[in-house]
C-alpha atoms as a PDB file:
ATOM      1  CA  MET A   1       0.000   0.000   0.000  1.00  0.00           C
ATOM      2  CA  ILE A   2       1.310   3.435  -0.925  1.00  0.00           C
ATOM      3  CA  THR A   3       0.788   5.926   1.892  1.00  0.00           C
ATOM      4  CA  SER A   4       1.174   9.711   1.865  1.00  0.00           C
ATOM      5  CA  THR A   5      -0.089  12.741   3.734  1.00  0.00           C
ATOM      6  CA  LYS A   6      -3.051  12.716   1.337  1.00  0.00           C
ATOM      7  CA  ASN A   7      -4.409   9.331   2.500  1.00  0.00           C
ATOM      8  CA  ALA A   8      -2.796   8.677   5.903  1.00  0.00           C
ATOM      9  CA  GLU A   9      -4.608   9.002   9.233  1.00  0.00           C
ATOM     10  CA  HIS A  10      -4.180  12.650  10.289  1.00  0.00           C
ATOM     11  CA  TYR A  11      -4.140  14.269  13.719  1.00  0.00           C
ATOM     12  CA  THR A  12      -3.269  17.664  15.164  1.00  0.00           C
ATOM     13  CA  TRP A  13      -1.220  18.349  18.267  1.00  0.00           C
ATOM     14  CA  GLY A  14       0.233  21.268  20.187  1.00  0.00           C
ATOM     15  CA  GLU A  15       0.037  24.674  18.575  1.00  0.00           C
ATOM     16  CA  GLN A  16      -1.430  23.876  15.130  1.00  0.00           C
ATOM     17  CA  CYS A  17       1.022  21.051  14.388  1.00  0.00           C
ATOM     18  CA  ASP A  18       0.083  18.141  12.115  1.00  0.00           C
ATOM     19  CA  GLY A  19       0.917  14.448  12.100  1.00  0.00           C
ATOM     20  CA  TRP A  20       0.199  11.715   9.549  1.00  0.00           C
ATOM     21  CA  HIS A  21       0.515   8.021  10.466  1.00  0.00           C
ATOM     22  CA  LEU A  22       2.434   6.503   7.544  1.00  0.00           C
ATOM     23  CA  LEU A  23       2.800   3.239   9.480  1.00  0.00           C
ATOM     24  CA  LYS A  24       0.931   2.495  12.692  1.00  0.00           C
ATOM     25  CA  SER A  25       1.538  -0.815  14.444  1.00  0.00           C
ATOM     26  CA  ALA A  26       2.237  -1.921  18.014  1.00  0.00           C
ATOM     27  CA  THR A  27       5.911  -2.540  17.277  1.00  0.00           C
ATOM     28  CA  LEU A  28       6.765   0.277  14.850  1.00  0.00           C
ATOM     29  CA  SER A  29       5.422   3.747  14.126  1.00  0.00           C
ATOM     30  CA  VAL A  30       6.374   6.089  11.270  1.00  0.00           C
ATOM     31  CA  ILE A  31       4.802   9.538  11.389  1.00  0.00           C
ATOM     32  CA  GLN A  32       5.349  12.534   9.124  1.00  0.00           C
ATOM     33  CA  GLU A  33       4.895  15.762  11.062  1.00  0.00           C
ATOM     34  CA  ARG A  34       4.667  19.471  10.320  1.00  0.00           C
ATOM     35  CA  MET A  35       5.414  22.215  12.828  1.00  0.00           C
ATOM     36  CA  PRO A  36       4.702  25.861  11.950  1.00  0.00           C
ATOM     37  CA  PRO A  37       7.280  28.520  12.890  1.00  0.00           C
ATOM     38  CA  GLU A  38       7.723  29.292  16.588  1.00  0.00           C
ATOM     39  CA  THR A  39       6.064  26.093  17.854  1.00  0.00           C
ATOM     40  CA  GLY A  40       7.265  23.340  20.134  1.00  0.00           C
ATOM     41  CA  GLU A  41       6.210  20.378  22.177  1.00  0.00           C
ATOM     42  CA  GLN A  42       6.266  19.754  25.917  1.00  0.00           C
ATOM     43  CA  LEU A  43       9.360  18.210  27.490  1.00  0.00           C
ATOM     44  CA  HIS A  44       8.721  14.475  27.917  1.00  0.00           C
ATOM     45  CA  TYR A  45      10.181  10.982  27.765  1.00  0.00           C
ATOM     46  CA  HIS A  46       9.075   7.495  26.765  1.00  0.00           C
ATOM     47  CA  HIS A  47       9.493   4.437  29.001  1.00  0.00           C
ATOM     48  CA  HIS A  48       9.920   1.928  26.167  1.00  0.00           C
ATOM     49  CA  ALA A  49      10.106   3.651  22.786  1.00  0.00           C
ATOM     50  CA  GLN A  50      13.312   4.668  21.091  1.00  0.00           C
ATOM     51  CA  GLN A  51      12.851   7.298  18.409  1.00  0.00           C
ATOM     52  CA  VAL A  52      14.636   8.605  15.338  1.00  0.00           C
ATOM     53  CA  PHE A  53      13.692  12.064  14.074  1.00  0.00           C
ATOM     54  CA  TYR A  54      14.684  12.631  10.430  1.00  0.00           C
ATOM     55  CA  ILE A  55      14.383  16.231   9.219  1.00  0.00           C
ATOM     56  CA  LEU A  56      12.880  16.581   5.732  1.00  0.00           C
ATOM     57  CA  SER A  57      12.928  20.400   5.543  1.00  0.00           C
ATOM     58  CA  GLY A  58      13.470  23.292   7.907  1.00  0.00           C
ATOM     59  CA  ILE A  59      15.673  23.466  10.985  1.00  0.00           C
ATOM     60  CA  ALA A  60      14.797  21.613  14.196  1.00  0.00           C
ATOM     61  CA  THR A  61      16.004  22.500  17.663  1.00  0.00           C
ATOM     62  CA  PHE A  62      16.029  19.616  20.123  1.00  0.00           C
ATOM     63  CA  GLU A  63      16.400  19.813  23.861  1.00  0.00           C
ATOM     64  CA  VAL A  64      17.769  16.458  25.020  1.00  0.00           C
ATOM     65  CA  GLU A  65      18.537  16.042  28.729  1.00  0.00           C
ATOM     66  CA  GLY A  66      18.910  19.833  29.036  1.00  0.00           C
ATOM     67  CA  LYS A  67      21.274  20.251  26.055  1.00  0.00           C
ATOM     68  CA  LEU A  68      20.194  22.076  22.869  1.00  0.00           C
ATOM     69  CA  SER A  69      21.079  20.681  19.429  1.00  0.00           C
ATOM     70  CA  THR A  70      20.289  21.941  15.941  1.00  0.00           C
ATOM     71  CA  VAL A  71      19.306  19.315  13.375  1.00  0.00           C
ATOM     72  CA  LEU A  72      19.220  20.327   9.702  1.00  0.00           C
ATOM     73  CA  ALA A  73      17.414  18.873   6.681  1.00  0.00           C
ATOM     74  CA  ASN A  74      18.731  15.417   5.743  1.00  0.00           C
ATOM     75  CA  GLN A  75      20.032  14.863   9.283  1.00  0.00           C
ATOM     76  CA  SER A  76      18.615  12.738  12.092  1.00  0.00           C
ATOM     77  CA  ILE A  77      18.782  12.421  15.855  1.00  0.00           C
ATOM     78  CA  HIS A  78      18.275   9.226  17.881  1.00  0.00           C
ATOM     79  CA  ILE A  79      16.472   9.432  21.238  1.00  0.00           C
ATOM     80  CA  LEU A  80      16.786   6.456  23.592  1.00  0.00           C
ATOM     81  CA  PRO A  81      14.028   5.372  26.021  1.00  0.00           C
ATOM     82  CA  ASN A  82      13.820   7.331  29.305  1.00  0.00           C
ATOM     83  CA  THR A  83      15.586  10.335  27.732  1.00  0.00           C
ATOM     84  CA  LYS A  84      13.974  13.734  28.422  1.00  0.00           C
ATOM     85  CA  HIS A  85      13.479  15.542  25.123  1.00  0.00           C
ATOM     86  CA  MET A  86      11.413  17.959  23.061  1.00  0.00           C
ATOM     87  CA  ILE A  87      11.484  19.366  19.535  1.00  0.00           C
ATOM     88  CA  LEU A  88      11.117  23.069  18.717  1.00  0.00           C
ATOM     89  CA  ASN A  89      10.767  25.036  15.499  1.00  0.00           C
ATOM     90  CA  LYS A  90      12.487  28.347  16.209  1.00  0.00           C
ATOM     91  CA  GLY A  91      12.679  29.154  12.495  1.00  0.00           C
ATOM     92  CA  ASN A  92      10.456  31.242  10.242  1.00  0.00           C
ATOM     93  CA  THR A  93       9.382  28.381   7.923  1.00  0.00           C
ATOM     94  CA  ASP A  94       7.474  25.155   8.493  1.00  0.00           C
ATOM     95  CA  LEU A  95       9.481  22.230   9.843  1.00  0.00           C
ATOM     96  CA  HIS A  96       8.760  18.852   8.205  1.00  0.00           C
ATOM     97  CA  PHE A  97      10.154  15.627   9.624  1.00  0.00           C
ATOM     98  CA  LEU A  98       9.659  11.914  10.141  1.00  0.00           C
ATOM     99  CA  VAL A  99       9.523  10.421  13.618  1.00  0.00           C
ATOM    100  CA  ILE A 100      10.147   6.690  13.708  1.00  0.00           C
ATOM    101  CA  SER A 101       9.361   4.965  17.012  1.00  0.00           C
ATOM    102  CA  GLU A 102      10.102   1.391  18.082  1.00  0.00           C
ATOM    103  CA  PRO A 103       7.887   0.230  19.666  1.00  0.00           C
ATOM    104  CA  LYS A 104       5.142   2.814  19.074  1.00  0.00           C
ATOM    105  CA  ALA A 105       5.397   5.911  21.296  1.00  0.00           C
ATOM    106  CA  HIS A 106       1.657   6.642  21.567  1.00  0.00           C
ATOM    107  CA  GLY A 107       0.569   5.624  25.067  1.00  0.00           C
ATOM    108  CA  ASP A 108       4.208   5.508  26.229  1.00  0.00           C
ATOM    109  CA  ARG A 109       4.721   9.244  26.761  1.00  0.00           C
ATOM    110  CA  VAL A 110       5.319  10.890  30.152  1.00  0.00           C
ATOM    111  CA  ASN A 111       5.006  14.705  30.079  1.00  0.00           C
ATOM    112  CA  LEU A 112       7.196  16.702  32.446  1.00  0.00           C
END
């Protein structure tokens, strides 16, 4: 099955951010997300899920265990379970990225 943002299950989160489930299973999740400029998520961690964020376009700022990192298009960052993190779009253009979680992160999130 070919999946895209046109036919994938869609949801909104945070401050007008979008997510599309490209693959949604208990053991693996692939989501394409869009964050408008000057948006961010709440600091959190996952008990079980490890995640890879792959930036498609824009510039992402990650806070990971209190340290800030900039991740550019065509770069990724790996977040291990029980690691406090959040993603921010401090730029002036939309941020587009993939978040790949193993196992799925939905239901495994602890907000701080």
